[in-house]
Every structure is written in structure tokens, then in C-alpha cells.
Amino acid sequence: MKYIYLAFCIVLFSFLPSDEGQLFLLIEDRGEYGFIDKSGKVIIEPYYHRLKNFSEGFAPYHDRGMWGFINAKGDEVIEARYRKTEGFVEGLALVLDRVDTKVKWGFIDKKGNAIIWPEYEEASSFSEGFAAVRNRQKKWGYINKSGKVVIPFKFEKAFSFHGGLAAVKSGDSWGYIKKDGTYQIFPKYVEVRNFSENLAPAMFGWQWGFVDTAGQTIIAARYDECTAFSEGFATVRTDFGKRYWVYVDHKGKIVFEGNFQKAFPFYEGLSRVKFNDKWGYLNKEGTYQIKPEYDEAYDFKDGYAYVKIEGKWSWIDVNGVVIWQKD
């Protein structure tokens, strides 16, 4: 019966680890969503109109236009009453709720209690004990888990903290602040992204380079596109030549290249690349671990990736072996 059921399922995402160490895979069956494990066993029967990934033992579910949460057994532990929600992070979940006649963002705990009352126009999940939130005056600041404003509302835009630093926009320029709200790097960039491996992509003029946590330019701005560093490498693209993507190290040295139409960061030792309109996976030696043969592909997660082979969505392992394929 397991195989009959799977024939009607559509794979949506890569395997998702639960708090119990199992691997959960989100599936759809005739417009209803559930979870299976890597053996194909149904963990949570397809029933919900929509589901999101598990996080800290809970997954958001959608029912009759509203969102709530289920646990790893499929029990509806927080009723569907929220307009929108994100997963639990650091014990709290970001939810969009109606207060009187207005809809605002706030935070709940795992029992569904409102820990931070819905009062914000926009917000991000907690990271390193802080959440970026936007008030009615359209300014961004930061709150702690008690809901206290710890960094005043004064930014045009604010990102989450990563490695003790957060990207913020003041006026027309971006910089980085520390957790006490003072600048680590004063605003001077057109656009920035989060720090990773002590380097952050930063745009000077119309091109991207990389800066360190002191604001020093480590890799000069000469790229039209780039990704953040992951597992020692970043992928970058320039207008030179045929606009291919290449891999660089922390000093900006090209480590390997291969006429890639697109190249993504390394995850679990493998990088997703597009070559001749097909997707494959590169290892850290710059050679193909899995040759380009897929119509579509996603990054590896917990040893498995979600790919499309000749119109059929499949699960593969790190050697490219198909462990399941939709009939």
C-alpha cells in the first residue's frame, strides 16, 4: 500500500529533520499535504491544505484560510487562528494576528500564548536573541524576547543578527550594527547581505565585493552577482567573457571554473550547478560528484536532494542514486 500511495505524491522539499532525529519529507497528494520519512512511510497523513517545514518540533499547518501548528505526531497543538506564521525559532514563532480591526505581527510560545503582543507592521523571526521589527512610523528597530525595545526605531530597513552583527539601512546606505546598537561599519554601501565566515557581500556602485567585520574590503568590487561564502567558497559572476559563474576563495582567487550558467554555495560538500541547461552537483575538488542531467534541482539536505529527471520528481542520495521516483 505504501507504493500505491506514493505514486500519487509530489515531492516538494528536501528531507526535514525532526527533533527526534527522523527525516521528514513534505508531500502533496491531490492538493493535500503531509509528511513521509526516507523509507516512504507516511508519518503524517496528507490532510492539510498547506504545510510548512518542521522547526523545533512544530510545523505550521493551514486550514480554512488560517494557520496553526502541529507536532511530530500530527496533533494540532495550536489551533489555526493566525493569518500568517513562520516556524518556531529560539522558542518563539512569528505570527500575523488580528487585534480589534487591525492585523499586526507578534510572537507566541509553544503553547500558543502571546508573548509579544501583535503590534508591528513587519517583523523577522528571532536570531541571537533579537528580532527586527517595524513600527507604524515605518522605522525599524530591535526587540528582545520580552518584547522590550533594545535598539531604537531609526532604520529604513534592518536584517537579523548573524555572528553578532546586523545589516541596517540608514538613509540610502547600508552598514552593520552591533548588539548595543552602535555601528560596527558605518553606512556606505548600496546594498549588503549577511556575514558568513567573517565576510559579507557588499555592493559598491553597481558591483559586488566582500568586506570583513572591520569594514575592510577583502575582495574588490568587480562582480555583477555573487553568493555568500559557505564551506570556504563563494560563487561569483562578472560581465567578462561569457558571463559564467566561478568559485573564489576567501582572498578572491578563482579556485575552479567550468562554464557554469549558474552556481550555488556548497552545502554538505556539494554545490548545485547548471551546465548546458542541466543541473548537477560539484564537489570541492571542482569535479562532478553527480553529472548534470536534471531538469531542476535543489540543494542537498541531510544527505538527500530533490531533483527532476525527465519530468519526474525524484529523491537522490549523494552518489546520485535514485532512492524514490514519482511514477
C-alpha atoms as a PDB file:
ATOM      1  CA  MET A   1       0.000   0.000   0.000  1.00  0.00           C
ATOM      2  CA  LYS A   2       2.925   2.313   0.645  1.00  0.00           C
ATOM      3  CA  TYR A   3       3.993   2.253  -3.003  1.00  0.00           C
ATOM      4  CA  ILE A   4       0.450   2.741  -4.290  1.00  0.00           C
ATOM      5  CA  TYR A   5       0.160   5.821  -2.136  1.00  0.00           C
ATOM      6  CA  LEU A   6       3.496   7.265  -3.201  1.00  0.00           C
ATOM      7  CA  ALA A   7       2.542   7.053  -6.854  1.00  0.00           C
ATOM      8  CA  PHE A   8       0.186   9.960  -6.311  1.00  0.00           C
ATOM      9  CA  CYS A   9       2.568  12.096  -4.266  1.00  0.00           C
ATOM     10  CA  ILE A  10       4.500  15.106  -5.477  1.00  0.00           C
ATOM     11  CA  VAL A  11       7.795  15.841  -3.723  1.00  0.00           C
ATOM     12  CA  LEU A  12       8.025  19.447  -2.607  1.00  0.00           C
ATOM     13  CA  PHE A  13      11.112  19.882  -0.468  1.00  0.00           C
ATOM     14  CA  SER A  14      14.190  18.026   0.735  1.00  0.00           C
ATOM     15  CA  PHE A  15      14.156  15.869   3.850  1.00  0.00           C
ATOM     16  CA  LEU A  16      13.455  17.748   7.052  1.00  0.00           C
ATOM     17  CA  PRO A  17      14.888  16.607  10.396  1.00  0.00           C
ATOM     18  CA  SER A  18      12.533  16.475  13.361  1.00  0.00           C
ATOM     19  CA  ASP A  19      13.644  16.863  16.958  1.00  0.00           C
ATOM     20  CA  GLU A  20      13.544  13.067  17.273  1.00  0.00           C
ATOM     21  CA  GLY A  21      16.231  12.686  14.601  1.00  0.00           C
ATOM     22  CA  GLN A  22      13.876  11.379  11.921  1.00  0.00           C
ATOM     23  CA  LEU A  23      13.898  12.775   8.416  1.00  0.00           C
ATOM     24  CA  PHE A  24      10.567  14.254   7.347  1.00  0.00           C
ATOM     25  CA  LEU A  25       9.730  14.908   3.710  1.00  0.00           C
ATOM     26  CA  LEU A  26       6.836  17.163   2.786  1.00  0.00           C
ATOM     27  CA  ILE A  27       4.491  15.663   0.190  1.00  0.00           C
ATOM     28  CA  GLU A  28       1.288  16.529  -1.641  1.00  0.00           C
ATOM     29  CA  ASP A  29      -1.477  14.118  -2.586  1.00  0.00           C
ATOM     30  CA  ARG A  30      -4.349  15.564  -4.619  1.00  0.00           C
ATOM     31  CA  GLY A  31      -3.949  19.012  -3.145  1.00  0.00           C
ATOM     32  CA  GLU A  32      -3.471  17.867   0.453  1.00  0.00           C
ATOM     33  CA  TYR A  33      -0.175  17.872   2.343  1.00  0.00           C
ATOM     34  CA  GLY A  34       1.534  15.510   4.759  1.00  0.00           C
ATOM     35  CA  PHE A  35       4.938  14.068   5.694  1.00  0.00           C
ATOM     36  CA  ILE A  36       6.768  10.818   4.992  1.00  0.00           C
ATOM     37  CA  ASP A  37      10.160   9.564   6.170  1.00  0.00           C
ATOM     38  CA  LYS A  38      13.072   8.467   3.965  1.00  0.00           C
ATOM     39  CA  SER A  39      11.732   4.911   3.735  1.00  0.00           C
ATOM     40  CA  GLY A  40       8.475   6.184   2.269  1.00  0.00           C
ATOM     41  CA  LYS A  41       6.476   5.529   5.429  1.00  0.00           C
ATOM     42  CA  VAL A  42       3.672   8.023   5.983  1.00  0.00           C
ATOM     43  CA  ILE A  43       4.356   9.902   9.213  1.00  0.00           C
ATOM     44  CA  ILE A  44       1.542  12.411   8.907  1.00  0.00           C
ATOM     45  CA  GLU A  45      -1.271  11.574   6.500  1.00  0.00           C
ATOM     46  CA  PRO A  46      -1.953  14.113   3.729  1.00  0.00           C
ATOM     47  CA  TYR A  47      -4.854  16.119   5.074  1.00  0.00           C
ATOM     48  CA  TYR A  48      -3.906  19.790   5.290  1.00  0.00           C
ATOM     49  CA  HIS A  49      -4.380  22.394   2.586  1.00  0.00           C
ATOM     50  CA  ARG A  50      -0.840  23.620   3.222  1.00  0.00           C
ATOM     51  CA  LEU A  51       2.092  22.727   5.474  1.00  0.00           C
ATOM     52  CA  LYS A  52       5.475  24.255   6.214  1.00  0.00           C
ATOM     53  CA  ASN A  53       8.699  22.693   7.445  1.00  0.00           C
ATOM     54  CA  PHE A  54       9.184  21.410  10.973  1.00  0.00           C
ATOM     55  CA  SER A  55      11.111  23.676  13.305  1.00  0.00           C
ATOM     56  CA  GLU A  56      11.776  22.922  16.968  1.00  0.00           C
ATOM     57  CA  GLY A  57       9.254  20.079  16.858  1.00  0.00           C
ATOM     58  CA  PHE A  58       6.368  22.012  15.283  1.00  0.00           C
ATOM     59  CA  ALA A  59       5.167  22.590  11.718  1.00  0.00           C
ATOM     60  CA  PRO A  60       2.731  25.325  10.619  1.00  0.00           C
ATOM     61  CA  TYR A  61      -0.451  23.992   9.011  1.00  0.00           C
ATOM     62  CA  HIS A  62      -3.119  25.819   7.008  1.00  0.00           C
ATOM     63  CA  ASP A  63      -6.815  25.164   7.465  1.00  0.00           C
ATOM     64  CA  ARG A  64      -9.772  27.198   6.221  1.00  0.00           C
ATOM     65  CA  GLY A  65      -7.669  30.249   5.477  1.00  0.00           C
ATOM     66  CA  MET A  66      -5.825  30.349   8.804  1.00  0.00           C
ATOM     67  CA  TRP A  67      -2.563  28.958  10.224  1.00  0.00           C
ATOM     68  CA  GLY A  68      -1.799  26.898  13.313  1.00  0.00           C
ATOM     69  CA  PHE A  69       0.795  24.306  14.403  1.00  0.00           C
ATOM     70  CA  ILE A  70       1.035  20.521  14.536  1.00  0.00           C
ATOM     71  CA  ASN A  71       3.586  18.423  16.401  1.00  0.00           C
ATOM     72  CA  ALA A  72       5.612  15.491  15.039  1.00  0.00           C
ATOM     73  CA  LYS A  73       2.686  13.135  15.696  1.00  0.00           C
ATOM     74  CA  GLY A  74       0.347  15.253  13.613  1.00  0.00           C
ATOM     75  CA  ASP A  75      -1.604  16.565  16.613  1.00  0.00           C
ATOM     76  CA  GLU A  76      -2.987  20.080  16.182  1.00  0.00           C
ATOM     77  CA  VAL A  77      -1.391  21.619  19.249  1.00  0.00           C
ATOM     78  CA  ILE A  78      -2.048  25.273  18.368  1.00  0.00           C
ATOM     79  CA  GLU A  79      -5.324  25.966  16.611  1.00  0.00           C
ATOM     80  CA  ALA A  80      -5.439  27.593  13.188  1.00  0.00           C
ATOM     81  CA  ARG A  81      -6.279  31.212  14.032  1.00  0.00           C
ATOM     82  CA  TYR A  82      -3.425  33.240  12.512  1.00  0.00           C
ATOM     83  CA  ARG A  83      -3.370  34.997   9.143  1.00  0.00           C
ATOM     84  CA  LYS A  84       0.288  34.099   8.570  1.00  0.00           C
ATOM     85  CA  THR A  85       3.041  32.446  10.562  1.00  0.00           C
ATOM     86  CA  GLU A  86       6.692  31.437  10.474  1.00  0.00           C
ATOM     87  CA  GLY A  87       8.235  28.437  12.223  1.00  0.00           C
ATOM     88  CA  PHE A  88       9.489  28.417  15.792  1.00  0.00           C
ATOM     89  CA  VAL A  89      12.930  29.938  16.305  1.00  0.00           C
ATOM     90  CA  GLU A  90      14.530  30.239  19.738  1.00  0.00           C
ATOM     91  CA  GLY A  91      11.262  29.125  21.310  1.00  0.00           C
ATOM     92  CA  LEU A  92       9.026  31.751  19.707  1.00  0.00           C
ATOM     93  CA  ALA A  93       7.039  31.855  16.467  1.00  0.00           C
ATOM     94  CA  LEU A  94       6.256  34.968  14.451  1.00  0.00           C
ATOM     95  CA  VAL A  95       2.517  35.256  13.733  1.00  0.00           C
ATOM     96  CA  LEU A  96       0.214  37.702  11.969  1.00  0.00           C
ATOM     97  CA  ASP A  97      -2.917  38.173  14.059  1.00  0.00           C
ATOM     98  CA  ARG A  98      -5.967  40.411  14.117  1.00  0.00           C
ATOM     99  CA  VAL A  99      -6.209  42.845  17.015  1.00  0.00           C
ATOM    100  CA  ASP A 100      -9.524  44.701  17.008  1.00  0.00           C
ATOM    101  CA  THR A 101      -9.790  45.889  13.390  1.00  0.00           C
ATOM    102  CA  LYS A 102      -6.085  45.756  12.552  1.00  0.00           C
ATOM    103  CA  VAL A 103      -3.740  42.926  11.560  1.00  0.00           C
ATOM    104  CA  LYS A 104      -0.293  43.046  13.179  1.00  0.00           C
ATOM    105  CA  TRP A 105       2.774  40.868  13.776  1.00  0.00           C
ATOM    106  CA  GLY A 106       3.644  39.439  17.184  1.00  0.00           C
ATOM    107  CA  PHE A 107       5.172  36.337  18.781  1.00  0.00           C
ATOM    108  CA  ILE A 108       3.722  33.264  20.506  1.00  0.00           C
ATOM    109  CA  ASP A 109       5.236  30.463  22.575  1.00  0.00           C
ATOM    110  CA  LYS A 110       4.771  26.717  22.014  1.00  0.00           C
ATOM    111  CA  LYS A 111       1.535  26.721  23.999  1.00  0.00           C
ATOM    112  CA  GLY A 112       0.043  29.410  21.789  1.00  0.00           C
ATOM    113  CA  ASN A 113       0.386  32.167  24.376  1.00  0.00           C
ATOM    114  CA  ALA A 114       1.011  35.680  23.058  1.00  0.00           C
ATOM    115  CA  ILE A 115       4.430  36.513  24.490  1.00  0.00           C
ATOM    116  CA  ILE A 116       4.884  39.687  22.434  1.00  0.00           C
ATOM    117  CA  TRP A 117       1.577  41.333  21.612  1.00  0.00           C
ATOM    118  CA  PRO A 118       0.811  41.837  17.893  1.00  0.00           C
ATOM    119  CA  GLU A 119       1.650  45.481  17.280  1.00  0.00           C
ATOM    120  CA  TYR A 120       4.213  45.582  14.473  1.00  0.00           C
ATOM    121  CA  GLU A 121       3.747  46.347  10.776  1.00  0.00           C
ATOM    122  CA  GLU A 122       6.565  43.977   9.790  1.00  0.00           C
ATOM    123  CA  ALA A 123       8.903  41.692  11.701  1.00  0.00           C
ATOM    124  CA  SER A 124      11.501  38.945  11.356  1.00  0.00           C
ATOM    125  CA  SER A 125      11.983  35.831  13.470  1.00  0.00           C
ATOM    126  CA  PHE A 126      14.363  35.956  16.412  1.00  0.00           C
ATOM    127  CA  SER A 127      18.069  35.445  15.816  1.00  0.00           C
ATOM    128  CA  GLU A 128      20.704  35.596  18.540  1.00  0.00           C
ATOM    129  CA  GLY A 129      18.087  36.902  20.975  1.00  0.00           C
ATOM    130  CA  PHE A 130      16.950  39.849  18.840  1.00  0.00           C
ATOM    131  CA  ALA A 131      14.113  40.370  16.356  1.00  0.00           C
ATOM    132  CA  ALA A 132      13.973  43.182  13.806  1.00  0.00           C
ATOM    133  CA  VAL A 133      10.541  44.886  13.804  1.00  0.00           C
ATOM    134  CA  ARG A 134       8.938  47.862  12.008  1.00  0.00           C
ATOM    135  CA  ASN A 135       6.597  50.308  13.759  1.00  0.00           C
ATOM    136  CA  ARG A 136       3.725  52.467  12.487  1.00  0.00           C
ATOM    137  CA  GLN A 137       6.171  55.232  11.602  1.00  0.00           C
ATOM    138  CA  LYS A 138       7.783  52.815   9.128  1.00  0.00           C
ATOM    139  CA  LYS A 139      11.048  52.680  11.044  1.00  0.00           C
ATOM    140  CA  TRP A 140      12.885  49.508  12.022  1.00  0.00           C
ATOM    141  CA  GLY A 141      14.388  48.663  15.401  1.00  0.00           C
ATOM    142  CA  TYR A 142      15.046  45.591  17.540  1.00  0.00           C
ATOM    143  CA  ILE A 143      13.285  43.924  20.450  1.00  0.00           C
ATOM    144  CA  ASN A 144      14.341  41.184  22.859  1.00  0.00           C
ATOM    145  CA  LYS A 145      12.321  38.115  23.827  1.00  0.00           C
ATOM    146  CA  SER A 146      10.462  40.073  26.488  1.00  0.00           C
ATOM    147  CA  GLY A 147       9.269  42.499  23.841  1.00  0.00           C
ATOM    148  CA  LYS A 148      11.432  45.330  25.137  1.00  0.00           C
ATOM    149  CA  VAL A 149      12.826  47.693  22.507  1.00  0.00           C
ATOM    150  CA  VAL A 150      16.594  47.319  22.861  1.00  0.00           C
ATOM    151  CA  ILE A 151      17.686  49.177  19.713  1.00  0.00           C
ATOM    152  CA  PRO A 152      15.556  52.252  18.835  1.00  0.00           C
ATOM    153  CA  PHE A 153      13.368  52.580  15.749  1.00  0.00           C
ATOM    154  CA  LYS A 154      15.567  54.614  13.419  1.00  0.00           C
ATOM    155  CA  PHE A 155      16.399  52.471  10.387  1.00  0.00           C
ATOM    156  CA  GLU A 156      14.788  52.322   6.941  1.00  0.00           C
ATOM    157  CA  LYS A 157      15.407  48.562   6.923  1.00  0.00           C
ATOM    158  CA  ALA A 158      17.003  46.047   9.276  1.00  0.00           C
ATOM    159  CA  PHE A 159      18.138  42.428   8.913  1.00  0.00           C
ATOM    160  CA  SER A 160      18.568  39.732  11.565  1.00  0.00           C
ATOM    161  CA  PHE A 161      21.756  39.386  13.604  1.00  0.00           C
ATOM    162  CA  HIS A 162      24.370  36.901  12.388  1.00  0.00           C
ATOM    163  CA  GLY A 163      27.637  36.489  14.224  1.00  0.00           C
ATOM    164  CA  GLY A 164      26.865  39.483  16.424  1.00  0.00           C
ATOM    165  CA  LEU A 165      26.291  41.889  13.534  1.00  0.00           C
ATOM    166  CA  ALA A 166      23.139  43.013  11.711  1.00  0.00           C
ATOM    167  CA  ALA A 167      22.820  44.830   8.401  1.00  0.00           C
ATOM    168  CA  VAL A 168      20.811  48.066   8.593  1.00  0.00           C
ATOM    169  CA  LYS A 169      19.836  50.772   6.144  1.00  0.00           C
ATOM    170  CA  SER A 170      20.120  54.405   7.192  1.00  0.00           C
ATOM    171  CA  GLY A 171      19.012  56.911   4.577  1.00  0.00           C
ATOM    172  CA  ASP A 172      20.105  55.437   1.246  1.00  0.00           C
ATOM    173  CA  SER A 173      23.101  53.455   2.532  1.00  0.00           C
ATOM    174  CA  TRP A 174      23.717  50.172   4.308  1.00  0.00           C
ATOM    175  CA  GLY A 175      26.036  49.389   7.189  1.00  0.00           C
ATOM    176  CA  TYR A 176      26.295  47.000  10.143  1.00  0.00           C
ATOM    177  CA  ILE A 177      25.483  47.448  13.825  1.00  0.00           C
ATOM    178  CA  LYS A 178      26.489  45.568  16.965  1.00  0.00           C
ATOM    179  CA  LYS A 179      24.046  44.333  19.594  1.00  0.00           C
ATOM    180  CA  ASP A 180      24.401  47.531  21.604  1.00  0.00           C
ATOM    181  CA  GLY A 181      23.037  49.454  18.607  1.00  0.00           C
ATOM    182  CA  THR A 182      26.307  51.188  17.719  1.00  0.00           C
ATOM    183  CA  TYR A 183      27.857  50.918  14.291  1.00  0.00           C
ATOM    184  CA  GLN A 184      30.494  48.329  13.597  1.00  0.00           C
ATOM    185  CA  ILE A 185      30.605  49.529   9.990  1.00  0.00           C
ATOM    186  CA  PHE A 186      29.062  52.897   9.188  1.00  0.00           C
ATOM    187  CA  PRO A 187      26.542  53.023   6.301  1.00  0.00           C
ATOM    188  CA  LYS A 188      28.325  53.419   2.971  1.00  0.00           C
ATOM    189  CA  TYR A 189      27.171  50.566   0.757  1.00  0.00           C
ATOM    190  CA  VAL A 190      24.463  50.473  -1.910  1.00  0.00           C
ATOM    191  CA  GLU A 191      23.377  47.017  -0.777  1.00  0.00           C
ATOM    192  CA  VAL A 192      24.668  44.313   1.558  1.00  0.00           C
ATOM    193  CA  ARG A 193      23.997  40.773   2.716  1.00  0.00           C
ATOM    194  CA  ASN A 194      24.620  38.926   5.969  1.00  0.00           C
ATOM    195  CA  PHE A 195      28.062  37.933   7.191  1.00  0.00           C
ATOM    196  CA  SER A 196      29.150  34.353   6.681  1.00  0.00           C
ATOM    197  CA  GLU A 197      32.611  33.021   7.502  1.00  0.00           C
ATOM    198  CA  ASN A 198      33.567  36.570   8.597  1.00  0.00           C
ATOM    199  CA  LEU A 199      32.920  38.027   5.151  1.00  0.00           C
ATOM    200  CA  ALA A 200      29.853  39.769   3.753  1.00  0.00           C
ATOM    201  CA  PRO A 201      28.878  40.607   0.166  1.00  0.00           C
ATOM    202  CA  ALA A 202      28.687  44.391  -0.225  1.00  0.00           C
ATOM    203  CA  MET A 203      27.783  46.441  -3.270  1.00  0.00           C
ATOM    204  CA  PHE A 204      29.919  49.438  -4.238  1.00  0.00           C
ATOM    205  CA  GLY A 205      28.331  51.376  -7.063  1.00  0.00           C
ATOM    206  CA  TRP A 206      26.915  48.654  -9.292  1.00  0.00           C
ATOM    207  CA  GLN A 207      29.221  45.776  -8.456  1.00  0.00           C
ATOM    208  CA  TRP A 208      29.702  43.381  -5.572  1.00  0.00           C
ATOM    209  CA  GLY A 209      32.761  42.709  -3.455  1.00  0.00           C
ATOM    210  CA  PHE A 210      33.381  41.298   0.028  1.00  0.00           C
ATOM    211  CA  VAL A 211      34.187  43.107   3.275  1.00  0.00           C
ATOM    212  CA  ASP A 212      35.339  41.811   6.658  1.00  0.00           C
ATOM    213  CA  THR A 213      33.851  42.622  10.058  1.00  0.00           C
ATOM    214  CA  ALA A 214      36.115  45.678  10.380  1.00  0.00           C
ATOM    215  CA  GLY A 215      34.749  47.148   7.154  1.00  0.00           C
ATOM    216  CA  GLN A 216      37.918  46.464   5.198  1.00  0.00           C
ATOM    217  CA  THR A 217      37.484  45.474   1.562  1.00  0.00           C
ATOM    218  CA  ILE A 218      38.951  41.991   1.267  1.00  0.00           C
ATOM    219  CA  ILE A 219      37.783  41.182  -2.258  1.00  0.00           C
ATOM    220  CA  ALA A 220      37.422  44.159  -4.590  1.00  0.00           C
ATOM    221  CA  ALA A 221      34.025  45.006  -6.078  1.00  0.00           C
ATOM    222  CA  ARG A 222      34.144  43.505  -9.547  1.00  0.00           C
ATOM    223  CA  TYR A 223      31.242  41.061  -9.653  1.00  0.00           C
ATOM    224  CA  ASP A 224      27.781  41.540 -11.098  1.00  0.00           C
ATOM    225  CA  GLU A 225      26.361  38.816  -8.892  1.00  0.00           C
ATOM    226  CA  CYS A 226      27.626  36.749  -6.003  1.00  0.00           C
ATOM    227  CA  THR A 227      26.621  34.415  -3.200  1.00  0.00           C
ATOM    228  CA  ALA A 228      27.736  34.450   0.423  1.00  0.00           C
ATOM    229  CA  PHE A 229      30.611  32.216   1.496  1.00  0.00           C
ATOM    230  CA  SER A 230      29.756  28.671   2.523  1.00  0.00           C
ATOM    231  CA  GLU A 231      32.190  25.893   3.371  1.00  0.00           C
ATOM    232  CA  GLY A 232      35.128  28.025   2.239  1.00  0.00           C
ATOM    233  CA  PHE A 233      33.862  29.140  -1.166  1.00  0.00           C
ATOM    234  CA  ALA A 234      31.647  31.792  -2.762  1.00  0.00           C
ATOM    235  CA  THR A 235      30.286  31.791  -6.292  1.00  0.00           C
ATOM    236  CA  VAL A 236      30.545  34.952  -8.386  1.00  0.00           C
ATOM    237  CA  ARG A 237      29.682  36.179 -11.877  1.00  0.00           C
ATOM    238  CA  THR A 238      31.073  39.036 -13.959  1.00  0.00           C
ATOM    239  CA  ASP A 239      30.314  40.550 -17.339  1.00  0.00           C
ATOM    240  CA  PHE A 240      33.706  39.432 -18.605  1.00  0.00           C
ATOM    241  CA  GLY A 241      33.666  36.858 -21.356  1.00  0.00           C
ATOM    242  CA  LYS A 242      30.522  34.746 -21.476  1.00  0.00           C
ATOM    243  CA  ARG A 243      29.123  35.701 -18.059  1.00  0.00           C
ATOM    244  CA  TYR A 244      29.833  32.338 -16.469  1.00  0.00           C
ATOM    245  CA  TRP A 245      29.892  31.668 -12.733  1.00  0.00           C
ATOM    246  CA  VAL A 246      33.159  30.741 -10.989  1.00  0.00           C
ATOM    247  CA  TYR A 247      34.240  29.795  -7.459  1.00  0.00           C
ATOM    248  CA  VAL A 248      36.522  32.003  -5.349  1.00  0.00           C
ATOM    249  CA  ASP A 249      38.249  31.527  -2.008  1.00  0.00           C
ATOM    250  CA  HIS A 250      38.422  33.982   0.896  1.00  0.00           C
ATOM    251  CA  LYS A 251      41.067  36.029  -0.915  1.00  0.00           C
ATOM    252  CA  GLY A 252      39.117  36.295  -4.151  1.00  0.00           C
ATOM    253  CA  LYS A 253      41.284  33.814  -6.017  1.00  0.00           C
ATOM    254  CA  ILE A 254      39.436  31.763  -8.623  1.00  0.00           C
ATOM    255  CA  VAL A 255      39.633  28.201  -7.385  1.00  0.00           C
ATOM    256  CA  PHE A 256      37.816  26.468 -10.210  1.00  0.00           C
ATOM    257  CA  GLU A 257      35.556  27.290 -13.117  1.00  0.00           C
ATOM    258  CA  GLY A 258      33.665  25.354 -15.745  1.00  0.00           C
ATOM    259  CA  ASN A 259      31.380  27.484 -17.929  1.00  0.00           C
ATOM    260  CA  PHE A 260      28.577  27.233 -15.377  1.00  0.00           C
ATOM    261  CA  GLN A 261      25.354  29.041 -16.233  1.00  0.00           C
ATOM    262  CA  LYS A 262      24.592  29.176 -12.524  1.00  0.00           C
ATOM    263  CA  ALA A 263      26.398  28.006  -9.397  1.00  0.00           C
ATOM    264  CA  PHE A 264      25.143  27.896  -5.820  1.00  0.00           C
ATOM    265  CA  PRO A 265      27.023  27.683  -2.489  1.00  0.00           C
ATOM    266  CA  PHE A 266      28.325  24.416  -1.083  1.00  0.00           C
ATOM    267  CA  TYR A 267      26.107  22.505   1.311  1.00  0.00           C
ATOM    268  CA  GLU A 268      27.263  19.216   2.794  1.00  0.00           C
ATOM    269  CA  GLY A 269      30.252  19.275   0.455  1.00  0.00           C
ATOM    270  CA  LEU A 270      28.280  19.604  -2.766  1.00  0.00           C
ATOM    271  CA  SER A 271      27.406  22.616  -4.914  1.00  0.00           C
ATOM    272  CA  ARG A 272      24.447  22.764  -7.284  1.00  0.00           C
ATOM    273  CA  VAL A 273      25.474  23.924 -10.788  1.00  0.00           C
ATOM    274  CA  LYS A 274      23.802  24.450 -14.145  1.00  0.00           C
ATOM    275  CA  PHE A 275      25.671  23.461 -17.298  1.00  0.00           C
ATOM    276  CA  ASN A 276      24.186  23.209 -20.806  1.00  0.00           C
ATOM    277  CA  ASP A 277      20.725  23.778 -19.309  1.00  0.00           C
ATOM    278  CA  LYS A 278      21.024  20.762 -16.994  1.00  0.00           C
ATOM    279  CA  TRP A 279      21.695  20.638 -13.244  1.00  0.00           C
ATOM    280  CA  GLY A 280      24.342  18.607 -11.469  1.00  0.00           C
ATOM    281  CA  TYR A 281      26.494  18.716  -8.330  1.00  0.00           C
ATOM    282  CA  LEU A 282      30.136  19.680  -7.953  1.00  0.00           C
ATOM    283  CA  ASN A 283      32.455  18.507  -5.169  1.00  0.00           C
ATOM    284  CA  LYS A 284      35.165  20.605  -3.527  1.00  0.00           C
ATOM    285  CA  GLU A 285      37.803  19.333  -5.923  1.00  0.00           C
ATOM    286  CA  GLY A 286      35.940  21.090  -8.713  1.00  0.00           C
ATOM    287  CA  THR A 287      34.836  17.880 -10.391  1.00  0.00           C
ATOM    288  CA  TYR A 288      31.366  16.477 -10.812  1.00  0.00           C
ATOM    289  CA  GLN A 289      30.128  14.339  -7.971  1.00  0.00           C
ATOM    290  CA  ILE A 290      26.899  13.988  -9.949  1.00  0.00           C
ATOM    291  CA  LYS A 291      26.986  14.943 -13.629  1.00  0.00           C
ATOM    292  CA  PRO A 292      24.443  17.471 -14.967  1.00  0.00           C
ATOM    293  CA  GLU A 293      21.367  15.505 -16.005  1.00  0.00           C
ATOM    294  CA  TYR A 294      18.471  17.061 -14.115  1.00  0.00           C
ATOM    295  CA  ASP A 295      15.838  19.453 -15.390  1.00  0.00           C
ATOM    296  CA  GLU A 296      15.547  21.041 -11.947  1.00  0.00           C
ATOM    297  CA  ALA A 297      17.395  20.516  -8.683  1.00  0.00           C
ATOM    298  CA  TYR A 298      17.616  21.656  -5.080  1.00  0.00           C
ATOM    299  CA  ASP A 299      20.471  21.718  -2.577  1.00  0.00           C
ATOM    300  CA  PHE A 300      21.367  18.669  -0.515  1.00  0.00           C
ATOM    301  CA  LYS A 301      19.921  18.460   2.975  1.00  0.00           C
ATOM    302  CA  ASP A 302      20.737  15.651   5.391  1.00  0.00           C
ATOM    303  CA  GLY A 303      22.208  13.592   2.588  1.00  0.00           C
ATOM    304  CA  TYR A 304      19.352  13.849   0.078  1.00  0.00           C
ATOM    305  CA  ALA A 305      18.339  16.196  -2.730  1.00  0.00           C
ATOM    306  CA  TYR A 306      15.147  16.785  -4.639  1.00  0.00           C
ATOM    307  CA  VAL A 307      15.595  16.697  -8.439  1.00  0.00           C
ATOM    308  CA  LYS A 308      13.537  16.408 -11.598  1.00  0.00           C
ATOM    309  CA  ILE A 309      14.583  13.681 -14.051  1.00  0.00           C
ATOM    310  CA  GLU A 310      12.815  13.574 -17.410  1.00  0.00           C
ATOM    311  CA  GLY A 311       9.776  15.238 -15.943  1.00  0.00           C
ATOM    312  CA  LYS A 312       9.667  13.056 -12.807  1.00  0.00           C
ATOM    313  CA  TRP A 313      10.473  14.402  -9.348  1.00  0.00           C
ATOM    314  CA  SER A 314      12.897  12.140  -7.514  1.00  0.00           C
ATOM    315  CA  TRP A 315      14.953  11.802  -4.368  1.00  0.00           C
ATOM    316  CA  ILE A 316      18.654  11.078  -4.812  1.00  0.00           C
ATOM    317  CA  ASP A 317      21.496  10.417  -2.401  1.00  0.00           C
ATOM    318  CA  VAL A 318      24.971  11.983  -2.532  1.00  0.00           C
ATOM    319  CA  ASN A 319      26.072   9.471  -5.173  1.00  0.00           C
ATOM    320  CA  GLY A 320      23.178  10.327  -7.465  1.00  0.00           C
ATOM    321  CA  VAL A 321      21.383   7.054  -6.731  1.00  0.00           C
ATOM    322  CA  VAL A 322      17.623   7.439  -7.069  1.00  0.00           C
ATOM    323  CA  ILE A 323      16.026   6.234  -3.837  1.00  0.00           C
ATOM    324  CA  TRP A 324      12.486   7.176  -4.868  1.00  0.00           C
ATOM    325  CA  GLN A 325      10.819   8.473  -8.001  1.00  0.00           C
ATOM    326  CA  LYS A 326       7.276   9.546  -8.725  1.00  0.00           C
ATOM    327  CA  ASP A 327       5.524   7.157 -11.126  1.00  0.00           C
END
